[in-house]
Amino acid sequence: KVLLLGVLGNGFPVNEADGKQVFLFGGGIGIPPLLYLAKTIA
C-alpha cells in the first residue's frame, strides 16, 4: 500500500498542439512525463 496526494499541478495545454508541428524536450528525470504527453497528442 502507498499513500498518495493528487492529482497535483496544471499539466500541459495539449489542445494547443492540435494541427501543429510539435517539439518535445526532456532531460534526465524530466523525460517520464513526455510519454503520457506524446500519447495524448497522438
All heavy atoms as atom14 arrays in JSON, in Angstrom:
{
  "sequence": "KVLLLGVLGNGFPVNEADGKQVFLFGGGIGIPPLLYLAKTIA",
  "atom14_mask": [
    [1, 1, 1, 1, 1, 1, 1, 1, 1, 0, 0, 0, 0, 0],
    [1, 1, 1, 1, 1, 1, 1, 0, 0, 0, 0, 0, 0, 0],
    [1, 1, 1, 1, 1, 1, 1, 1, 0, 0, 0, 0, 0, 0],
    [1, 1, 1, 1, 1, 1, 1, 1, 0, 0, 0, 0, 0, 0],
    [1, 1, 1, 1, 1, 1, 1, 1, 0, 0, 0, 0, 0, 0],
    [1, 1, 1, 1, 0, 0, 0, 0, 0, 0, 0, 0, 0, 0],
    [1, 1, 1, 1, 1, 1, 1, 0, 0, 0, 0, 0, 0, 0],
    [1, 1, 1, 1, 1, 1, 1, 1, 0, 0, 0, 0, 0, 0],
    [1, 1, 1, 1, 0, 0, 0, 0, 0, 0, 0, 0, 0, 0],
    [1, 1, 1, 1, 1, 1, 1, 1, 0, 0, 0, 0, 0, 0],
    [1, 1, 1, 1, 0, 0, 0, 0, 0, 0, 0, 0, 0, 0],
    [1, 1, 1, 1, 1, 1, 1, 1, 1, 1, 1, 0, 0, 0],
    [1, 1, 1, 1, 1, 1, 1, 0, 0, 0, 0, 0, 0, 0],
    [1, 1, 1, 1, 1, 1, 1, 0, 0, 0, 0, 0, 0, 0],
    [1, 1, 1, 1, 1, 1, 1, 1, 0, 0, 0, 0, 0, 0],
    [1, 1, 1, 1, 1, 1, 1, 1, 1, 0, 0, 0, 0, 0],
    [1, 1, 1, 1, 1, 0, 0, 0, 0, 0, 0, 0, 0, 0],
    [1, 1, 1, 1, 1, 1, 1, 1, 0, 0, 0, 0, 0, 0],
    [1, 1, 1, 1, 0, 0, 0, 0, 0, 0, 0, 0, 0, 0],
    [1, 1, 1, 1, 1, 1, 1, 1, 1, 0, 0, 0, 0, 0],
    [1, 1, 1, 1, 1, 1, 1, 1, 1, 0, 0, 0, 0, 0],
    [1, 1, 1, 1, 1, 1, 1, 0, 0, 0, 0, 0, 0, 0],
    [1, 1, 1, 1, 1, 1, 1, 1, 1, 1, 1, 0, 0, 0],
    [1, 1, 1, 1, 1, 1, 1, 1, 0, 0, 0, 0, 0, 0],
    [1, 1, 1, 1, 1, 1, 1, 1, 1, 1, 1, 0, 0, 0],
    [1, 1, 1, 1, 0, 0, 0, 0, 0, 0, 0, 0, 0, 0],
    [1, 1, 1, 1, 0, 0, 0, 0, 0, 0, 0, 0, 0, 0],
    [1, 1, 1, 1, 0, 0, 0, 0, 0, 0, 0, 0, 0, 0],
    [1, 1, 1, 1, 1, 1, 1, 1, 0, 0, 0, 0, 0, 0],
    [1, 1, 1, 1, 0, 0, 0, 0, 0, 0, 0, 0, 0, 0],
    [1, 1, 1, 1, 1, 1, 1, 1, 0, 0, 0, 0, 0, 0],
    [1, 1, 1, 1, 1, 1, 1, 0, 0, 0, 0, 0, 0, 0],
    [1, 1, 1, 1, 1, 1, 1, 0, 0, 0, 0, 0, 0, 0],
    [1, 1, 1, 1, 1, 1, 1, 1, 0, 0, 0, 0, 0, 0],
    [1, 1, 1, 1, 1, 1, 1, 1, 0, 0, 0, 0, 0, 0],
    [1, 1, 1, 1, 1, 1, 1, 1, 1, 1, 1, 1, 0, 0],
    [1, 1, 1, 1, 1, 1, 1, 1, 0, 0, 0, 0, 0, 0],
    [1, 1, 1, 1, 1, 0, 0, 0, 0, 0, 0, 0, 0, 0],
    [1, 1, 1, 1, 1, 1, 1, 1, 1, 0, 0, 0, 0, 0],
    [1, 1, 1, 1, 1, 1, 1, 0, 0, 0, 0, 0, 0, 0],
    [1, 1, 1, 1, 1, 1, 1, 1, 0, 0, 0, 0, 0, 0],
    [1, 1, 1, 1, 1, 0, 0, 0, 0, 0, 0, 0, 0, 0]
  ],
  "atom14_positions": [
    [[0.84, -1.2, 0.0], [0.0, 0.0, 0.0], [0.88, 1.25, 0.0], [1.96, 1.26, 0.58], [-0.92, -0.01, 1.22], [-1.93, -1.15, 1.21], [-2.79, -1.14, 2.47], [-3.78, -2.29, 2.45], [-4.63, -2.3, 3.67], [0.0, 0.0, 0.0], [0.0, 0.0, 0.0], [0.0, 0.0, 0.0], [0.0, 0.0, 0.0], [0.0, 0.0, 0.0]],
    [[0.39, 2.29, -0.66], [1.14, 3.54, -0.72], [0.17, 4.7, -0.63], [-0.9, 4.7, -1.25], [1.99, 3.61, -2.02], [1.13, 3.44, -3.25], [2.77, 4.92, -2.09], [0.0, 0.0, 0.0], [0.0, 0.0, 0.0], [0.0, 0.0, 0.0], [0.0, 0.0, 0.0], [0.0, 0.0, 0.0], [0.0, 0.0, 0.0], [0.0, 0.0, 0.0]],
    [[0.51, 5.68, 0.19], [-0.35, 6.85, 0.38], [0.03, 7.94, -0.62], [1.21, 8.31, -0.73], [-0.2, 7.38, 1.81], [-1.18, 8.47, 2.26], [-2.62, 7.95, 2.18], [-0.85, 8.94, 3.66], [0.0, 0.0, 0.0], [0.0, 0.0, 0.0], [0.0, 0.0, 0.0], [0.0, 0.0, 0.0], [0.0, 0.0, 0.0], [0.0, 0.0, 0.0]],
    [[-0.98, 8.44, -1.34], [-0.76, 9.4, -2.42], [-1.57, 10.67, -2.18], [-2.65, 10.63, -1.59], [-1.18, 8.81, -3.77], [-0.55, 7.5, -4.2], [-1.27, 6.96, -5.44], [0.93, 7.69, -4.49], [0.0, 0.0, 0.0], [0.0, 0.0, 0.0], [0.0, 0.0, 0.0], [0.0, 0.0, 0.0], [0.0, 0.0, 0.0], [0.0, 0.0, 0.0]],
    [[-1.05, 11.78, -2.7], [-1.78, 13.04, -2.74], [-1.86, 13.47, -4.19], [-0.84, 13.55, -4.88], [-1.04, 14.11, -1.92], [-1.65, 15.52, -1.93], [-3.01, 15.51, -1.22], [-0.71, 16.51, -1.25], [0.0, 0.0, 0.0], [0.0, 0.0, 0.0], [0.0, 0.0, 0.0], [0.0, 0.0, 0.0], [0.0, 0.0, 0.0], [0.0, 0.0, 0.0]],
    [[-3.06, 13.74, -4.68], [-3.15, 14.13, -6.08], [-4.6, 14.33, -6.52], [-5.52, 14.16, -5.73], [0.0, 0.0, 0.0], [0.0, 0.0, 0.0], [0.0, 0.0, 0.0], [0.0, 0.0, 0.0], [0.0, 0.0, 0.0], [0.0, 0.0, 0.0], [0.0, 0.0, 0.0], [0.0, 0.0, 0.0], [0.0, 0.0, 0.0], [0.0, 0.0, 0.0]],
    [[-4.82, 14.69, -7.75], [-3.79, 14.97, -8.74], [-3.29, 16.4, -8.52], [-4.07, 17.29, -8.22], [-4.34, 14.84, -10.18], [-3.26, 15.1, -11.19], [-5.01, 13.53, -10.44], [0.0, 0.0, 0.0], [0.0, 0.0, 0.0], [0.0, 0.0, 0.0], [0.0, 0.0, 0.0], [0.0, 0.0, 0.0], [0.0, 0.0, 0.0], [0.0, 0.0, 0.0]],
    [[-1.99, 16.65, -8.73], [-1.4, 17.95, -8.46], [-0.92, 18.61, -9.75], [-0.5, 17.95, -10.69], [-0.23, 17.79, -7.49], [-0.56, 17.11, -6.15], [0.71, 16.94, -5.33], [-1.62, 17.87, -5.37], [0.0, 0.0, 0.0], [0.0, 0.0, 0.0], [0.0, 0.0, 0.0], [0.0, 0.0, 0.0], [0.0, 0.0, 0.0], [0.0, 0.0, 0.0]],
    [[-0.96, 19.94, -9.76], [-0.43, 20.69, -10.9], [-1.44, 20.88, -12.01], [-2.54, 20.34, -12.01], [0.0, 0.0, 0.0], [0.0, 0.0, 0.0], [0.0, 0.0, 0.0], [0.0, 0.0, 0.0], [0.0, 0.0, 0.0], [0.0, 0.0, 0.0], [0.0, 0.0, 0.0], [0.0, 0.0, 0.0], [0.0, 0.0, 0.0], [0.0, 0.0, 0.0]],
    [[-1.04, 21.7, -12.98], [-1.96, 22.09, -14.07], [-1.83, 21.24, -15.33], [-2.77, 21.1, -16.1], [-1.76, 23.56, -14.42], [-0.33, 23.88, -14.86], [0.57, 23.04, -14.76], [-0.11, 25.09, -15.35], [0.0, 0.0, 0.0], [0.0, 0.0, 0.0], [0.0, 0.0, 0.0], [0.0, 0.0, 0.0], [0.0, 0.0, 0.0], [0.0, 0.0, 0.0]],
    [[-0.68, 20.67, -15.6], [-0.48, 19.88, -16.81], [-0.2, 20.71, -18.05], [-0.27, 21.95, -18.03], [0.0, 0.0, 0.0], [0.0, 0.0, 0.0], [0.0, 0.0, 0.0], [0.0, 0.0, 0.0], [0.0, 0.0, 0.0], [0.0, 0.0, 0.0], [0.0, 0.0, 0.0], [0.0, 0.0, 0.0], [0.0, 0.0, 0.0], [0.0, 0.0, 0.0]],
    [[0.13, 20.02, -19.14], [0.42, 20.69, -20.41], [-0.87, 21.03, -21.16], [-1.84, 20.26, -21.11], [1.28, 19.78, -21.3], [2.72, 19.67, -20.86], [3.16, 18.55, -20.18], [3.63, 20.68, -21.16], [4.48, 18.43, -19.79], [4.96, 20.57, -20.77], [5.39, 19.44, -20.08], [0.0, 0.0, 0.0], [0.0, 0.0, 0.0], [0.0, 0.0, 0.0]],
    [[-0.88, 22.15, -21.9], [-2.06, 22.52, -22.7], [-2.06, 21.73, -24.01], [-1.74, 22.27, -25.08], [-1.86, 24.02, -22.93], [-0.37, 24.19, -22.95], [0.18, 23.18, -21.98], [0.0, 0.0, 0.0], [0.0, 0.0, 0.0], [0.0, 0.0, 0.0], [0.0, 0.0, 0.0], [0.0, 0.0, 0.0], [0.0, 0.0, 0.0], [0.0, 0.0, 0.0]],
    [[-2.43, 20.47, -23.94], [-2.33, 19.57, -25.09], [-3.14, 20.06, -26.28], [-2.74, 19.89, -27.43], [-2.78, 18.15, -24.68], [-2.75, 17.2, -25.87], [-1.89, 17.61, -23.57], [0.0, 0.0, 0.0], [0.0, 0.0, 0.0], [0.0, 0.0, 0.0], [0.0, 0.0, 0.0], [0.0, 0.0, 0.0], [0.0, 0.0, 0.0], [0.0, 0.0, 0.0]],
    [[-4.27, 20.71, -26.03], [-5.12, 21.19, -27.12], [-4.4, 22.19, -28.01], [-4.73, 22.32, -29.2], [-6.4, 21.82, -26.57], [-6.13, 23.03, -25.67], [-5.31, 22.95, -24.76], [-6.81, 24.13, -25.92], [0.0, 0.0, 0.0], [0.0, 0.0, 0.0], [0.0, 0.0, 0.0], [0.0, 0.0, 0.0], [0.0, 0.0, 0.0], [0.0, 0.0, 0.0]],
    [[-3.39, 22.89, -27.48], [-2.67, 23.88, -28.28], [-1.74, 23.22, -29.3], [-1.21, 23.9, -30.18], [-1.88, 24.83, -27.39], [-2.77, 25.74, -26.56], [-2.02, 26.95, -26.04], [-1.02, 27.37, -26.66], [-2.43, 27.47, -24.99], [0.0, 0.0, 0.0], [0.0, 0.0, 0.0], [0.0, 0.0, 0.0], [0.0, 0.0, 0.0], [0.0, 0.0, 0.0]],
    [[-1.54, 21.91, -29.19], [-0.71, 21.19, -30.15], [-1.49, 20.75, -31.38], [-0.89, 20.28, -32.36], [-0.08, 19.98, -29.48], [0.0, 0.0, 0.0], [0.0, 0.0, 0.0], [0.0, 0.0, 0.0], [0.0, 0.0, 0.0], [0.0, 0.0, 0.0], [0.0, 0.0, 0.0], [0.0, 0.0, 0.0], [0.0, 0.0, 0.0], [0.0, 0.0, 0.0]],
    [[-2.8, 20.91, -31.37], [-3.63, 20.44, -32.48], [-3.21, 21.07, -33.8], [-3.12, 22.3, -33.92], [-5.1, 20.77, -32.21], [-5.69, 19.95, -31.07], [-5.03, 18.99, -30.64], [-6.81, 20.28, -30.63], [0.0, 0.0, 0.0], [0.0, 0.0, 0.0], [0.0, 0.0, 0.0], [0.0, 0.0, 0.0], [0.0, 0.0, 0.0], [0.0, 0.0, 0.0]],
    [[-2.92, 20.22, -34.77], [-2.59, 20.69, -36.12], [-1.23, 21.34, -36.26], [-0.93, 21.93, -37.3], [0.0, 0.0, 0.0], [0.0, 0.0, 0.0], [0.0, 0.0, 0.0], [0.0, 0.0, 0.0], [0.0, 0.0, 0.0], [0.0, 0.0, 0.0], [0.0, 0.0, 0.0], [0.0, 0.0, 0.0], [0.0, 0.0, 0.0], [0.0, 0.0, 0.0]],
    [[-0.38, 21.23, -35.25], [0.91, 21.91, -35.27], [2.07, 20.92, -35.25], [1.92, 19.78, -34.82], [1.03, 22.85, -34.07], [0.01, 23.98, -34.08], [0.14, 24.86, -32.85], [-0.91, 25.97, -32.86], [-0.84, 26.8, -31.63], [0.0, 0.0, 0.0], [0.0, 0.0, 0.0], [0.0, 0.0, 0.0], [0.0, 0.0, 0.0], [0.0, 0.0, 0.0]],
    [[3.23, 21.39, -35.73], [4.46, 20.63, -35.59], [4.98, 20.85, -34.17], [5.19, 21.98, -33.74], [5.51, 21.09, -36.61], [6.83, 20.35, -36.54], [6.72, 18.9, -36.95], [6.05, 18.58, -37.92], [7.37, 18.02, -36.21], [0.0, 0.0, 0.0], [0.0, 0.0, 0.0], [0.0, 0.0, 0.0], [0.0, 0.0, 0.0], [0.0, 0.0, 0.0]],
    [[5.17, 19.76, -33.44], [5.47, 19.85, -32.02], [6.88, 19.33, -31.75], [7.26, 18.26, -32.23], [4.46, 19.02, -31.19], [4.73, 19.2, -29.71], [3.03, 19.41, -31.55], [0.0, 0.0, 0.0], [0.0, 0.0, 0.0], [0.0, 0.0, 0.0], [0.0, 0.0, 0.0], [0.0, 0.0, 0.0], [0.0, 0.0, 0.0], [0.0, 0.0, 0.0]],
    [[7.64, 20.1, -30.97], [8.92, 19.63, -30.44], [8.72, 19.38, -28.94], [8.28, 20.29, -28.21], [10.03, 20.66, -30.62], [10.67, 20.68, -31.98], [10.14, 19.98, -33.05], [11.83, 21.42, -32.2], [10.74, 20.01, -34.31], [12.45, 21.46, -33.44], [11.88, 20.75, -34.5], [0.0, 0.0, 0.0], [0.0, 0.0, 0.0], [0.0, 0.0, 0.0]],
    [[9.04, 18.18, -28.49], [9.05, 17.87, -27.08], [10.49, 17.71, -26.62], [11.27, 17.02, -27.28], [8.28, 16.58, -26.79], [6.82, 16.51, -27.26], [6.2, 15.18, -26.84], [6.0, 17.68, -26.73], [0.0, 0.0, 0.0], [0.0, 0.0, 0.0], [0.0, 0.0, 0.0], [0.0, 0.0, 0.0], [0.0, 0.0, 0.0], [0.0, 0.0, 0.0]],
    [[10.85, 18.34, -25.51], [12.19, 18.26, -24.96], [12.13, 17.68, -23.55], [11.33, 18.13, -22.72], [12.84, 19.64, -24.87], [13.18, 20.27, -26.18], [12.27, 21.07, -26.85], [14.44, 20.09, -26.74], [12.6, 21.67, -28.06], [14.78, 20.68, -27.94], [13.86, 21.47, -28.61], [0.0, 0.0, 0.0], [0.0, 0.0, 0.0], [0.0, 0.0, 0.0]],
    [[12.99, 16.7, -23.28], [13.07, 16.14, -21.95], [14.51, 15.9, -21.56], [15.32, 15.45, -22.37], [0.0, 0.0, 0.0], [0.0, 0.0, 0.0], [0.0, 0.0, 0.0], [0.0, 0.0, 0.0], [0.0, 0.0, 0.0], [0.0, 0.0, 0.0], [0.0, 0.0, 0.0], [0.0, 0.0, 0.0], [0.0, 0.0, 0.0], [0.0, 0.0, 0.0]],
    [[14.83, 16.2, -20.31], [16.18, 15.97, -19.82], [16.16, 15.23, -18.5], [15.43, 15.62, -17.58], [0.0, 0.0, 0.0], [0.0, 0.0, 0.0], [0.0, 0.0, 0.0], [0.0, 0.0, 0.0], [0.0, 0.0, 0.0], [0.0, 0.0, 0.0], [0.0, 0.0, 0.0], [0.0, 0.0, 0.0], [0.0, 0.0, 0.0], [0.0, 0.0, 0.0]],
    [[16.92, 14.13, -18.41], [17.01, 13.39, -17.16], [15.66, 12.91, -16.68], [14.87, 12.34, -17.43], [0.0, 0.0, 0.0], [0.0, 0.0, 0.0], [0.0, 0.0, 0.0], [0.0, 0.0, 0.0], [0.0, 0.0, 0.0], [0.0, 0.0, 0.0], [0.0, 0.0, 0.0], [0.0, 0.0, 0.0], [0.0, 0.0, 0.0], [0.0, 0.0, 0.0]],
    [[15.35, 13.18, -15.42], [14.09, 12.72, -14.85], [12.92, 13.58, -15.32], [11.75, 13.33, -14.95], [14.19, 12.68, -13.3], [13.25, 11.59, -12.76], [13.95, 14.04, -12.68], [13.55, 10.19, -13.24], [0.0, 0.0, 0.0], [0.0, 0.0, 0.0], [0.0, 0.0, 0.0], [0.0, 0.0, 0.0], [0.0, 0.0, 0.0], [0.0, 0.0, 0.0]],
    [[13.18, 14.56, -16.18], [12.11, 15.31, -16.85], [11.58, 14.58, -18.07], [10.62, 15.03, -18.71], [0.0, 0.0, 0.0], [0.0, 0.0, 0.0], [0.0, 0.0, 0.0], [0.0, 0.0, 0.0], [0.0, 0.0, 0.0], [0.0, 0.0, 0.0], [0.0, 0.0, 0.0], [0.0, 0.0, 0.0], [0.0, 0.0, 0.0], [0.0, 0.0, 0.0]],
    [[12.17, 13.44, -18.41], [11.73, 12.66, -19.57], [10.42, 11.92, -19.32], [9.55, 11.89, -20.2], [12.85, 11.69, -20.01], [14.02, 12.49, -20.59], [12.33, 10.67, -21.03], [15.27, 11.65, -20.83], [0.0, 0.0, 0.0], [0.0, 0.0, 0.0], [0.0, 0.0, 0.0], [0.0, 0.0, 0.0], [0.0, 0.0, 0.0], [0.0, 0.0, 0.0]],
    [[10.19, 11.29, -18.15], [8.98, 10.5, -17.96], [7.65, 11.17, -18.31], [6.81, 10.54, -18.98], [9.06, 10.12, -16.47], [10.53, 9.99, -16.23], [11.14, 11.12, -17.02], [0.0, 0.0, 0.0], [0.0, 0.0, 0.0], [0.0, 0.0, 0.0], [0.0, 0.0, 0.0], [0.0, 0.0, 0.0], [0.0, 0.0, 0.0], [0.0, 0.0, 0.0]],
    [[7.4, 12.43, -17.93], [6.09, 13.0, -18.28], [5.86, 13.17, -19.78], [4.72, 13.34, -20.22], [6.08, 14.35, -17.56], [7.5, 14.65, -17.25], [8.17, 13.34, -17.06], [0.0, 0.0, 0.0], [0.0, 0.0, 0.0], [0.0, 0.0, 0.0], [0.0, 0.0, 0.0], [0.0, 0.0, 0.0], [0.0, 0.0, 0.0], [0.0, 0.0, 0.0]],
    [[6.94, 13.1, -20.58], [6.77, 13.24, -22.02], [6.04, 12.05, -22.63], [5.42, 12.18, -23.69], [8.14, 13.39, -22.71], [8.98, 14.63, -22.37], [10.15, 14.73, -23.33], [8.14, 15.9, -22.4], [0.0, 0.0, 0.0], [0.0, 0.0, 0.0], [0.0, 0.0, 0.0], [0.0, 0.0, 0.0], [0.0, 0.0, 0.0], [0.0, 0.0, 0.0]],
    [[6.11, 10.89, -21.98], [5.46, 9.71, -22.55], [3.95, 9.89, -22.59], [3.31, 9.7, -23.64], [5.83, 8.46, -21.76], [5.25, 7.15, -22.3], [5.64, 6.92, -23.75], [5.69, 5.96, -21.43], [0.0, 0.0, 0.0], [0.0, 0.0, 0.0], [0.0, 0.0, 0.0], [0.0, 0.0, 0.0], [0.0, 0.0, 0.0], [0.0, 0.0, 0.0]],
    [[3.35, 10.27, -21.48], [1.9, 10.48, -21.47], [1.52, 11.67, -22.35], [0.48, 11.66, -23.01], [1.42, 10.67, -20.04], [-0.09, 10.55, -19.87], [-0.83, 9.68, -20.66], [-0.76, 11.29, -18.9], [-2.2, 9.56, -20.51], [-2.13, 11.17, -18.73], [-2.84, 10.3, -19.53], [-4.2, 10.18, -19.36], [0.0, 0.0, 0.0], [0.0, 0.0, 0.0]],
    [[2.38, 12.68, -22.38], [2.13, 13.85, -23.22], [2.1, 13.46, -24.69], [1.18, 13.82, -25.43], [3.2, 14.91, -22.97], [3.16, 16.16, -23.85], [1.83, 16.87, -23.74], [4.32, 17.1, -23.49], [0.0, 0.0, 0.0], [0.0, 0.0, 0.0], [0.0, 0.0, 0.0], [0.0, 0.0, 0.0], [0.0, 0.0, 0.0], [0.0, 0.0, 0.0]],
    [[3.11, 12.71, -25.14], [3.17, 12.29, -26.54], [2.01, 11.38, -26.91], [1.44, 11.47, -28.0], [4.5, 11.6, -26.82], [0.0, 0.0, 0.0], [0.0, 0.0, 0.0], [0.0, 0.0, 0.0], [0.0, 0.0, 0.0], [0.0, 0.0, 0.0], [0.0, 0.0, 0.0], [0.0, 0.0, 0.0], [0.0, 0.0, 0.0], [0.0, 0.0, 0.0]],
    [[1.64, 10.49, -25.97], [0.5, 9.6, -26.22], [-0.8, 10.39, -26.32], [-1.69, 10.06, -27.11], [0.38, 8.57, -25.09], [1.45, 7.5, -25.1], [1.23, 6.48, -23.99], [0.01, 5.61, -24.27], [-0.08, 4.5, -23.29], [0.0, 0.0, 0.0], [0.0, 0.0, 0.0], [0.0, 0.0, 0.0], [0.0, 0.0, 0.0], [0.0, 0.0, 0.0]],
    [[-0.93, 11.44, -25.53], [-2.14, 12.26, -25.54], [-2.24, 13.09, -26.82], [-3.32, 13.24, -27.39], [-2.17, 13.18, -24.3], [-2.06, 12.38, -23.12], [-3.47, 13.96, -24.24], [0.0, 0.0, 0.0], [0.0, 0.0, 0.0], [0.0, 0.0, 0.0], [0.0, 0.0, 0.0], [0.0, 0.0, 0.0], [0.0, 0.0, 0.0], [0.0, 0.0, 0.0]],
    [[-1.11, 13.62, -27.28], [-1.11, 14.36, -28.55], [-1.49, 13.42, -29.69], [-2.25, 13.77, -30.6], [0.27, 15.0, -28.8], [0.54, 16.09, -27.75], [0.35, 15.6, -30.21], [1.94, 16.66, -27.79], [0.0, 0.0, 0.0], [0.0, 0.0, 0.0], [0.0, 0.0, 0.0], [0.0, 0.0, 0.0], [0.0, 0.0, 0.0], [0.0, 0.0, 0.0]],
    [[-0.95, 12.2, -29.65], [-1.34, 11.11, -30.57], [-1.21, 11.48, -32.05], [-2.07, 11.13, -32.85], [-2.77, 10.65, -30.24], [0.0, 0.0, 0.0], [0.0, 0.0, 0.0], [0.0, 0.0, 0.0], [0.0, 0.0, 0.0], [0.0, 0.0, 0.0], [0.0, 0.0, 0.0], [0.0, 0.0, 0.0], [0.0, 0.0, 0.0], [0.0, 0.0, 0.0]]
  ]
}
